[in-house]
Amino acid sequence: MKDFKKRGVVVHLTMYGESINEKIDSIREILREGKDILVVIGGEKVPKETYELADYNISIGNQPHSEIAALAVFLDRLFEGKTLYRDYPDAKIRVIPSEKKKVVVRRDSP
């Protein structure tokens, strides 16, 4: 984390931080400025140093939740849900939304 802070910003996801709703706009601004963001996800026993080194200690919610849920909520808020509609031209696999079945389109390798 110390080395990363020389070139970017550290965001620590925790139950004990500031509300994501209050800070997400400033974190988005960091991306717009072209800076890198390191996301650290707190677990049960996070060293005190993590809180001290982080530029942002962000609370995803004040109820217990999984680390992967915290990351999912954070990324969805950070990118304003737009990643659901992002198209990757070089993707080898595309999943097409469907109400009743799994639709996967595979691109043949060149």
Protein backbone atom coordinates (compact mmCIF):
# COMPACT_ATOMS: atom_id res chain seq x y z
CA MET A 1 0.00 0.00 0.00
CA LYS A 2 2.83 2.39 0.82
CA ASP A 3 4.44 1.92 -2.60
CA PHE A 4 1.11 2.20 -4.42
CA LYS A 5 0.28 5.53 -2.76
CA LYS A 6 3.16 7.10 -4.70
CA ARG A 7 1.11 6.75 -7.89
CA GLY A 8 -2.50 6.36 -6.81
CA VAL A 9 -5.16 6.33 -4.14
CA VAL A 10 -6.04 3.54 -1.71
CA VAL A 11 -9.71 2.81 -1.01
CA HIS A 12 -10.38 0.47 1.89
CA LEU A 13 -13.85 -1.13 1.97
CA THR A 14 -15.03 -1.75 5.52
CA MET A 15 -18.17 -1.70 7.65
CA TYR A 16 -16.67 1.06 9.79
CA GLY A 17 -15.80 3.78 7.28
CA GLU A 18 -17.54 6.76 5.78
CA SER A 19 -20.67 6.09 3.76
CA ILE A 20 -20.11 5.16 0.11
CA ASN A 21 -22.95 7.54 -0.77
CA GLU A 22 -21.01 10.46 0.69
CA LYS A 23 -17.64 9.69 -0.95
CA ILE A 24 -18.29 7.97 -4.28
CA ASP A 25 -18.26 11.22 -6.29
CA SER A 26 -14.77 12.13 -5.01
CA ILE A 27 -13.52 8.65 -5.84
CA ARG A 28 -14.98 8.91 -9.36
CA GLU A 29 -13.14 12.22 -9.76
CA ILE A 30 -9.86 10.42 -9.01
CA LEU A 31 -10.54 8.11 -11.96
CA ARG A 32 -11.38 11.05 -14.22
CA GLU A 33 -8.01 12.56 -13.30
CA GLY A 34 -6.35 9.41 -14.61
CA LYS A 35 -5.06 8.22 -11.25
CA ASP A 36 -5.00 4.56 -10.27
CA ILE A 37 -7.11 3.19 -7.43
CA LEU A 38 -6.14 0.28 -5.23
CA VAL A 39 -9.15 -1.33 -3.55
CA VAL A 40 -8.44 -3.11 -0.27
CA ILE A 41 -11.25 -5.19 1.17
CA GLY A 42 -11.34 -5.54 4.93
CA GLY A 43 -12.10 -8.86 6.59
CA GLU A 44 -12.58 -9.83 10.21
CA LYS A 45 -9.20 -8.69 11.55
CA VAL A 46 -7.83 -5.78 9.59
CA PRO A 47 -4.59 -4.31 10.92
CA LYS A 48 -4.88 -0.74 12.22
CA GLU A 49 -2.25 0.26 9.66
CA THR A 50 -4.73 -0.48 6.85
CA TYR A 51 -7.10 2.20 8.15
CA GLU A 52 -4.23 4.63 8.59
CA LEU A 53 -2.68 4.08 5.14
CA ALA A 54 -5.95 4.19 3.22
CA ASP A 55 -6.90 7.49 1.62
CA TYR A 56 -10.55 6.49 1.97
CA ASN A 57 -12.13 4.08 4.46
CA ILE A 58 -15.49 3.42 2.81
CA SER A 59 -18.49 1.74 4.40
CA ILE A 60 -20.60 -0.27 1.98
CA GLY A 61 -23.20 -0.86 4.67
CA ASN A 62 -23.41 -1.03 8.42
CA GLN A 63 -24.55 -4.64 8.50
CA PRO A 64 -22.29 -7.67 8.09
CA HIS A 65 -21.67 -8.56 4.45
CA SER A 66 -19.20 -10.59 2.44
CA GLU A 67 -16.04 -9.08 1.04
CA ILE A 68 -17.07 -9.95 -2.52
CA ALA A 69 -20.45 -8.27 -1.99
CA ALA A 70 -18.65 -5.13 -0.82
CA LEU A 71 -16.49 -5.15 -3.94
CA ALA A 72 -19.50 -5.71 -6.21
CA VAL A 73 -21.46 -2.83 -4.68
CA PHE A 74 -18.43 -0.53 -4.76
CA LEU A 75 -17.64 -1.23 -8.43
CA ASP A 76 -21.29 -0.89 -9.44
CA ARG A 77 -21.54 2.49 -7.71
CA LEU A 78 -18.15 3.63 -9.02
CA PHE A 79 -19.09 2.90 -12.64
CA GLU A 80 -22.76 3.88 -12.17
CA GLY A 81 -24.02 0.50 -13.36
CA LYS A 82 -22.62 1.11 -16.85
CA THR A 83 -20.41 -2.00 -16.87
CA LEU A 84 -23.57 -4.05 -17.42
CA TYR A 85 -23.79 -2.50 -20.88
CA ARG A 86 -20.10 -2.31 -21.78
CA ASP A 87 -19.13 -4.15 -24.95
CA TYR A 88 -15.66 -5.60 -25.34
CA PRO A 89 -14.84 -5.92 -29.06
CA ASP A 90 -12.08 -8.51 -28.50
CA ALA A 91 -14.08 -10.66 -26.07
CA LYS A 92 -13.81 -14.41 -26.66
CA ILE A 93 -17.08 -15.07 -24.85
CA ARG A 94 -20.23 -12.93 -24.66
CA VAL A 95 -23.18 -13.68 -22.41
CA ILE A 96 -26.46 -12.46 -23.87
CA PRO A 97 -29.15 -11.60 -21.31
CA SER A 98 -32.12 -13.95 -21.53
CA GLU A 99 -35.16 -14.47 -19.34
CA LYS A 100 -35.35 -18.26 -19.67
CA LYS A 101 -32.06 -19.71 -20.82
CA LYS A 102 -28.31 -19.37 -20.86
CA VAL A 103 -27.09 -17.73 -24.08
CA VAL A 104 -23.33 -17.74 -24.65
CA VAL A 105 -21.68 -16.64 -27.88
CA ARG A 106 -18.12 -17.76 -28.41
CA ARG A 107 -15.75 -16.14 -30.86
CA ASP A 108 -13.51 -18.57 -32.68
CA SER A 109 -9.80 -18.02 -32.22
CA PRO A 110 -7.99 -16.66 -35.31
